[in-house]
């Protein structure tokens, strides 16, 4: 796996959030805090900072919704999350969440994102190799179903699945520049190659797979570039109405979460965020009737949700962080 990891702020969300302001505040807190900080887990390579509001200094930090990756003032690679919205008042040595189910649910999403961000930075991605194809199938089915429902046309699903898998592979590779045909060869299953051959001859004419063509779709790492590539490969006047906002409206209604619109963006641009959403969709009863769960369950042969969650939960539990 590629060692490059770009956190969620390197994409669309970074244009709306002042990451530097948050990082400076966390660094100031680290400088002034006792060396034996509660809720900090000191690792061999990565320092994890979990802000719970246990003291006045923590409560004065600005709020942030997504894990932040930065090098702290002690020159340590750091991942920090903010659990204050989900925590009870003053705390001792236990992460003590509010009684409401949704607080534990949303706090758990953040911990999943924290742990898998840490593992990505450390290049400890054995689990990603094992669940990559499951993850691709889940996201591809979700995006293709969303597109088909928006256009009222089920015939577009196979093409959108390929474009979505290219997108996810590009993110897994850290957005590294590469020949698109080489990128395509990393996709799963023989049916992908069959689809490529078929679509070179049919009405969709996926330009990105034509050897020597200058009309490639670009490897994408943001929701905007993914939506643009979907419109390019469908190449139809009907897709003029396909916008990023239309996708976000549909995707944010597909699962339960506080600030689901932001998380819908994050899951299309950040592997740990996607893993967190898919894990909670599959395992939590609050999502039992969600659109995402229905799509994943309807495609169990390829999404293999039980296999996926077993691998992810095992990797997560090795880090011993829980609410």
Protein backbone atom coordinates (compact mmCIF):
# COMPACT_ATOMS: atom_id res chain seq x y z
CA UNK A 1 0.00 0.00 0.00
CA UNK A 2 1.07 3.57 -0.67
CA UNK A 3 2.55 5.35 2.35
CA UNK A 4 1.03 8.69 1.37
CA UNK A 5 -1.97 9.62 3.53
CA UNK A 6 -3.90 12.82 2.98
CA UNK A 7 -6.31 13.57 5.81
CA UNK A 8 -9.90 14.68 5.29
CA UNK A 9 -8.89 18.37 5.37
CA UNK A 10 -6.84 17.97 2.19
CA UNK A 11 -10.06 17.60 0.21
CA UNK A 12 -13.35 19.44 -0.10
CA UNK A 13 -13.90 20.01 3.63
CA UNK A 14 -10.53 21.72 3.97
CA UNK A 15 -11.83 24.65 1.91
CA UNK A 16 -14.38 25.45 4.61
CA UNK A 17 -12.47 24.63 7.80
CA UNK A 18 -9.48 26.49 9.26
CA UNK A 19 -7.33 23.50 10.16
CA UNK A 20 -4.32 25.64 11.12
CA UNK A 21 -6.34 27.51 13.76
CA UNK A 22 -7.41 24.23 15.36
CA UNK A 23 -3.91 22.74 15.20
CA UNK A 24 -2.36 25.84 16.80
CA UNK A 25 -4.85 25.62 19.67
CA UNK A 26 -4.15 21.92 20.22
CA UNK A 27 -0.40 22.54 20.18
CA UNK A 28 -0.77 25.31 22.74
CA UNK A 29 -2.76 22.92 24.91
CA UNK A 30 -0.09 20.22 24.59
CA UNK A 31 2.65 22.69 25.59
CA UNK A 32 0.80 23.77 28.72
CA UNK A 33 -0.55 20.38 29.73
CA UNK A 34 0.94 17.96 32.18
CA UNK A 35 3.10 15.25 30.61
CA UNK A 36 0.65 12.67 31.96
CA UNK A 37 -2.34 13.82 29.95
CA UNK A 38 -5.46 11.76 30.38
CA UNK A 39 -7.07 10.57 27.16
CA UNK A 40 -3.76 10.68 25.32
CA UNK A 41 -2.46 7.33 24.18
CA UNK A 42 1.28 7.44 23.57
CA UNK A 43 2.29 5.11 20.78
CA UNK A 44 5.68 4.14 19.38
CA UNK A 45 5.13 6.24 16.28
CA UNK A 46 1.82 8.08 16.51
CA UNK A 47 0.40 10.14 19.34
CA UNK A 48 -3.39 10.08 19.71
CA UNK A 49 -5.11 13.03 21.37
CA UNK A 50 -8.73 12.54 22.41
CA UNK A 51 -10.35 15.70 23.70
CA UNK A 52 -13.25 14.98 26.07
CA UNK A 53 -13.68 18.25 27.98
CA UNK A 54 -12.20 16.92 31.21
CA UNK A 55 -10.90 20.36 32.25
CA UNK A 56 -11.32 24.06 31.50
CA UNK A 57 -8.35 24.11 29.14
CA UNK A 58 -9.92 21.45 26.93
CA UNK A 59 -13.26 23.23 26.96
CA UNK A 60 -11.59 26.38 25.61
CA UNK A 61 -10.33 24.61 22.48
CA UNK A 62 -12.27 25.31 19.26
CA UNK A 63 -14.59 22.51 18.18
CA UNK A 64 -13.79 20.31 15.20
CA UNK A 65 -15.77 17.51 13.57
CA UNK A 66 -13.12 15.44 11.79
CA UNK A 67 -9.85 13.77 12.86
CA UNK A 68 -6.89 16.14 12.41
CA UNK A 69 -3.45 14.89 11.38
CA UNK A 70 -0.48 17.13 12.21
CA UNK A 71 3.04 17.23 13.64
CA UNK A 72 2.83 18.58 17.18
CA UNK A 73 5.21 20.93 18.96
CA UNK A 74 7.10 17.94 20.32
CA UNK A 75 7.75 16.82 16.74
CA UNK A 76 5.44 13.83 17.07
CA UNK A 77 3.04 12.73 14.37
CA UNK A 78 -0.39 13.25 15.93
CA UNK A 79 -4.03 12.45 15.29
CA UNK A 80 -6.58 14.39 17.35
CA UNK A 81 -10.35 14.03 17.69
CA UNK A 82 -12.96 16.03 19.57
CA UNK A 83 -15.43 13.94 21.58
CA UNK A 84 -16.78 16.83 23.67
CA UNK A 85 -20.22 16.96 21.99
CA UNK A 86 -20.88 13.38 23.13
CA UNK A 87 -19.37 13.35 26.63
CA UNK A 88 -20.72 13.87 30.12
CA UNK A 89 -19.36 16.77 32.22
CA UNK A 90 -16.16 16.44 34.23
CA UNK A 91 -14.47 13.10 33.76
CA UNK A 92 -11.97 10.93 35.58
CA UNK A 93 -9.92 8.28 33.80
CA UNK A 94 -12.80 6.76 31.82
CA UNK A 95 -14.23 7.98 28.54
CA UNK A 96 -17.77 8.47 29.83
CA UNK A 97 -20.31 9.13 27.11
CA UNK A 98 -23.74 10.70 27.53
CA UNK A 99 -26.64 8.33 28.07
CA UNK A 100 -28.31 8.96 24.72
CA UNK A 101 -27.76 6.20 22.17
CA UNK A 102 -26.93 8.68 19.41
CA UNK A 103 -24.11 10.18 21.50
CA UNK A 104 -22.41 6.81 21.87
CA UNK A 105 -23.08 6.10 18.18
CA UNK A 106 -21.50 9.34 16.97
CA UNK A 107 -18.63 9.08 19.44
CA UNK A 108 -17.90 5.58 18.15
CA UNK A 109 -17.78 6.87 14.57
CA UNK A 110 -15.09 9.32 15.66
CA UNK A 111 -13.06 6.61 17.39
CA UNK A 112 -13.20 4.41 14.29
CA UNK A 113 -11.97 7.32 12.20
CA UNK A 114 -9.19 8.02 14.73
CA UNK A 115 -7.93 4.44 14.83
CA UNK A 116 -7.93 3.85 11.09
CA UNK A 117 -6.35 7.24 10.42
CA UNK A 118 -3.55 6.23 12.78
CA UNK A 119 -3.13 2.90 10.99
CA UNK A 120 -3.05 4.61 7.59
CA UNK A 121 -0.30 6.98 8.72
CA UNK A 122 1.72 4.10 10.14
CA UNK A 123 1.19 2.17 6.90
CA UNK A 124 -0.30 -0.67 8.97
CA UNK A 125 -2.78 -1.48 6.22
CA UNK A 126 -2.97 -5.28 6.26
CA UNK A 127 -6.71 -4.94 6.91
CA UNK A 128 -7.17 -2.64 3.89
CA UNK A 129 -5.75 -5.27 1.55
CA UNK A 130 -8.28 -7.74 2.93
CA UNK A 131 -11.36 -5.50 2.71
CA UNK A 132 -10.52 -3.35 -0.32
CA UNK A 133 -12.79 -5.19 -2.72
CA UNK A 134 -15.66 -5.30 -0.20
CA UNK A 135 -15.28 -1.56 0.31
CA UNK A 136 -15.23 -0.95 -3.44
CA UNK A 137 -18.39 -2.99 -3.95
CA UNK A 138 -20.22 -1.17 -1.15
CA UNK A 139 -19.38 2.30 -2.39
CA UNK A 140 -19.86 1.38 -6.06
CA UNK A 141 -23.33 -0.01 -5.38
CA UNK A 142 -24.27 3.05 -3.33
CA UNK A 143 -23.08 5.51 -5.98
CA UNK A 144 -24.57 3.59 -8.89
CA UNK A 145 -27.93 3.21 -7.13
CA UNK A 146 -27.95 6.92 -6.33
CA UNK A 147 -27.19 7.80 -9.95
CA UNK A 148 -29.76 5.39 -11.35
CA UNK A 149 -32.47 6.72 -9.03
CA UNK A 150 -31.59 10.32 -9.90
CA UNK A 151 -31.69 9.67 -13.66
CA UNK A 152 -34.50 7.08 -13.49
CA UNK A 153 -32.27 4.80 -15.54
CA UNK A 154 -30.93 1.48 -14.24
CA UNK A 155 -28.79 0.96 -17.34
CA UNK A 156 -26.14 3.38 -16.04
CA UNK A 157 -25.25 1.36 -12.95
CA UNK A 158 -22.44 -0.79 -14.36
CA UNK A 159 -20.57 2.19 -15.75
CA UNK A 160 -20.91 4.24 -12.56
CA UNK A 161 -19.60 1.27 -10.56
CA UNK A 162 -16.38 1.22 -12.60
CA UNK A 163 -15.85 4.97 -12.24
CA UNK A 164 -16.48 4.75 -8.47
CA UNK A 165 -13.96 1.92 -8.08
CA UNK A 166 -11.36 3.92 -10.00
CA UNK A 167 -12.04 6.82 -7.63
CA UNK A 168 -11.61 4.69 -4.52
CA UNK A 169 -8.44 3.05 -5.82
CA UNK A 170 -7.00 6.51 -6.49
CA UNK A 171 -7.68 7.49 -2.87
CA UNK A 172 -6.12 4.25 -1.61
CA UNK A 173 -3.04 5.14 -3.65
CA UNK A 174 -2.88 8.52 -1.93
CA UNK A 175 -3.91 10.45 -5.03
CA UNK A 176 -0.58 9.68 -6.66
CA UNK A 177 -0.30 10.60 -10.32
CA UNK A 178 -0.37 7.52 -12.49
CA UNK A 179 -1.48 6.22 -15.84
CA UNK A 180 -5.21 5.61 -15.62
CA UNK A 181 -4.98 2.28 -17.40
CA UNK A 182 -2.51 1.10 -14.73
CA UNK A 183 -4.98 2.27 -12.11
CA UNK A 184 -7.78 0.33 -13.76
CA UNK A 185 -5.73 -2.88 -13.63
CA UNK A 186 -5.82 -2.70 -9.80
CA UNK A 187 -9.60 -3.05 -9.80
CA UNK A 188 -11.24 -6.31 -8.68
CA UNK A 189 -12.68 -9.23 -10.58
CA UNK A 190 -12.70 -10.30 -14.20
CA UNK A 191 -16.08 -8.70 -14.76
CA UNK A 192 -14.39 -5.27 -14.58
CA UNK A 193 -12.18 -6.09 -17.55
CA UNK A 194 -15.17 -7.55 -19.37
CA UNK A 195 -17.13 -4.39 -18.68
CA UNK A 196 -14.33 -2.23 -20.01
CA UNK A 197 -14.15 -4.23 -23.24
CA UNK A 198 -17.92 -4.13 -23.61
CA UNK A 199 -18.27 -0.42 -22.97
CA UNK A 200 -15.58 0.50 -25.47
CA UNK A 201 -18.00 -0.71 -28.12
CA UNK A 202 -21.29 0.64 -26.80
CA UNK A 203 -23.05 3.97 -26.40
CA UNK A 204 -21.22 4.98 -23.22
CA UNK A 205 -17.78 4.96 -24.90
CA UNK A 206 -15.75 5.30 -21.70
CA UNK A 207 -13.02 7.52 -23.07
CA UNK A 208 -10.63 6.85 -20.22
CA UNK A 209 -10.00 3.31 -21.39
CA UNK A 210 -9.08 4.13 -25.00
CA UNK A 211 -5.39 3.56 -25.50
CA UNK A 212 -3.73 6.74 -26.71
CA UNK A 213 -6.78 8.94 -26.21
CA UNK A 214 -6.34 12.49 -24.91
CA UNK A 215 -9.85 12.42 -23.48
CA UNK A 216 -9.08 10.53 -20.29
CA UNK A 217 -11.16 11.05 -17.22
CA UNK A 218 -8.75 11.96 -14.45
CA UNK A 219 -8.06 9.82 -11.38
CA UNK A 220 -10.29 11.53 -8.83
CA UNK A 221 -9.92 12.09 -5.08
CA UNK A 222 -12.76 14.54 -4.31
CA UNK A 223 -16.52 14.30 -4.55
CA UNK A 224 -16.53 17.03 -7.19
CA UNK A 225 -14.09 15.20 -9.44
CA UNK A 226 -15.96 11.91 -8.95
CA UNK A 227 -19.27 13.51 -9.98
CA UNK A 228 -17.58 15.12 -12.98
CA UNK A 229 -16.14 11.76 -14.11
CA UNK A 230 -19.55 10.12 -13.81
CA UNK A 231 -21.00 12.83 -16.05
CA UNK A 232 -18.15 12.42 -18.55
CA UNK A 233 -18.55 8.67 -18.97
CA UNK A 234 -22.33 8.83 -19.26
CA UNK A 235 -21.91 11.59 -21.84
CA UNK A 236 -25.56 12.54 -22.04
CA UNK A 237 -27.59 15.73 -21.94
CA UNK A 238 -29.56 14.17 -19.12
CA UNK A 239 -26.56 14.32 -16.81
CA UNK A 240 -26.47 18.11 -16.83
CA UNK A 241 -28.71 17.96 -13.77
CA UNK A 242 -26.26 15.72 -11.90
CA UNK A 243 -24.53 18.02 -9.44
CA UNK A 244 -22.45 17.52 -6.32
CA UNK A 245 -25.28 18.95 -4.22
CA UNK A 246 -27.77 16.44 -5.66
CA UNK A 247 -25.47 13.57 -4.71
CA UNK A 248 -24.85 15.01 -1.25
CA UNK A 249 -28.56 15.34 -0.56
CA UNK A 250 -29.09 11.69 -1.48
CA UNK A 251 -25.99 10.31 0.25
CA UNK A 252 -26.50 12.24 3.49
CA UNK A 253 -29.95 10.66 3.81
CA UNK A 254 -28.52 7.18 3.33
CA UNK A 255 -27.27 6.62 6.91
CA UNK A 256 -27.65 8.01 10.40
CA UNK A 257 -25.16 10.55 11.74
CA UNK A 258 -24.86 14.00 13.20
CA UNK A 259 -23.74 16.31 10.38
CA UNK A 260 -24.27 13.56 7.82
CA UNK A 261 -23.66 15.96 4.90
CA UNK A 262 -20.06 16.55 5.99
CA UNK A 263 -19.57 12.85 6.65
CA UNK A 264 -20.96 12.01 3.20
CA UNK A 265 -18.24 14.21 1.71
CA UNK A 266 -15.60 12.69 3.99
CA UNK A 267 -16.52 9.11 3.16
CA UNK A 268 -15.97 9.78 -0.56
CA UNK A 269 -12.55 11.32 0.05
CA UNK A 270 -11.08 9.55 3.09
CA UNK A 271 -10.67 5.80 3.70
CA UNK A 272 -11.04 5.90 7.53
CA UNK A 273 -14.26 7.91 7.21
CA UNK A 274 -15.67 5.48 4.66
CA UNK A 275 -14.75 2.52 6.88
CA UNK A 276 -16.41 4.17 9.89
CA UNK A 277 -19.65 4.87 8.02
CA UNK A 278 -19.85 1.39 6.47
CA UNK A 279 -19.10 -0.32 9.78
CA UNK A 280 -21.80 1.62 11.61
CA UNK A 281 -24.28 1.07 8.77
CA UNK A 282 -23.76 -2.70 8.90
CA UNK A 283 -23.53 -3.21 12.65
CA UNK A 284 -25.85 -0.68 14.28
CA UNK A 285 -29.61 -1.20 14.59
CA UNK A 286 -30.22 2.52 14.13
CA UNK A 287 -29.25 1.95 10.47
CA UNK A 288 -31.30 -1.22 9.98
CA UNK A 289 -33.73 0.50 7.60
CA UNK A 290 -31.30 2.98 6.09
CA UNK A 291 -30.79 3.22 2.34
CA UNK A 292 -27.14 2.24 2.66
CA UNK A 293 -27.98 -0.92 4.63
CA UNK A 294 -30.61 -1.89 2.07
CA UNK A 295 -28.16 -1.46 -0.81
CA UNK A 296 -25.39 -3.41 0.95
CA UNK A 297 -27.74 -6.22 1.97
CA UNK A 298 -29.21 -6.45 -1.53
CA UNK A 299 -25.70 -7.08 -2.88
CA UNK A 300 -24.35 -9.39 -0.17
CA UNK A 301 -22.71 -11.71 -2.68
CA UNK A 302 -20.15 -9.01 -3.54
CA UNK A 303 -20.25 -6.63 -0.55
CA UNK A 304 -19.87 -9.49 1.97
CA UNK A 305 -20.77 -7.33 5.01
CA UNK A 306 -20.07 -10.01 7.64
CA UNK A 307 -16.59 -10.64 6.25
CA UNK A 308 -15.94 -6.90 6.10
CA UNK A 309 -17.01 -6.14 9.68
CA UNK A 310 -15.10 -9.10 11.14
CA UNK A 311 -11.83 -7.82 9.66
CA UNK A 312 -12.48 -4.19 10.62
CA UNK A 313 -13.59 -4.88 14.18
CA UNK A 314 -10.59 -7.16 14.76
CA UNK A 315 -8.23 -4.42 13.53
CA UNK A 316 -10.01 -1.82 15.66
CA UNK A 317 -9.98 -3.91 18.83
CA UNK A 318 -6.23 -4.41 18.53
CA UNK A 319 -5.92 -0.69 19.34
CA UNK A 320 -7.96 -1.11 22.57
CA UNK A 321 -9.90 2.17 22.33
CA UNK A 322 -13.57 2.07 23.18
CA UNK A 323 -16.42 4.10 24.60
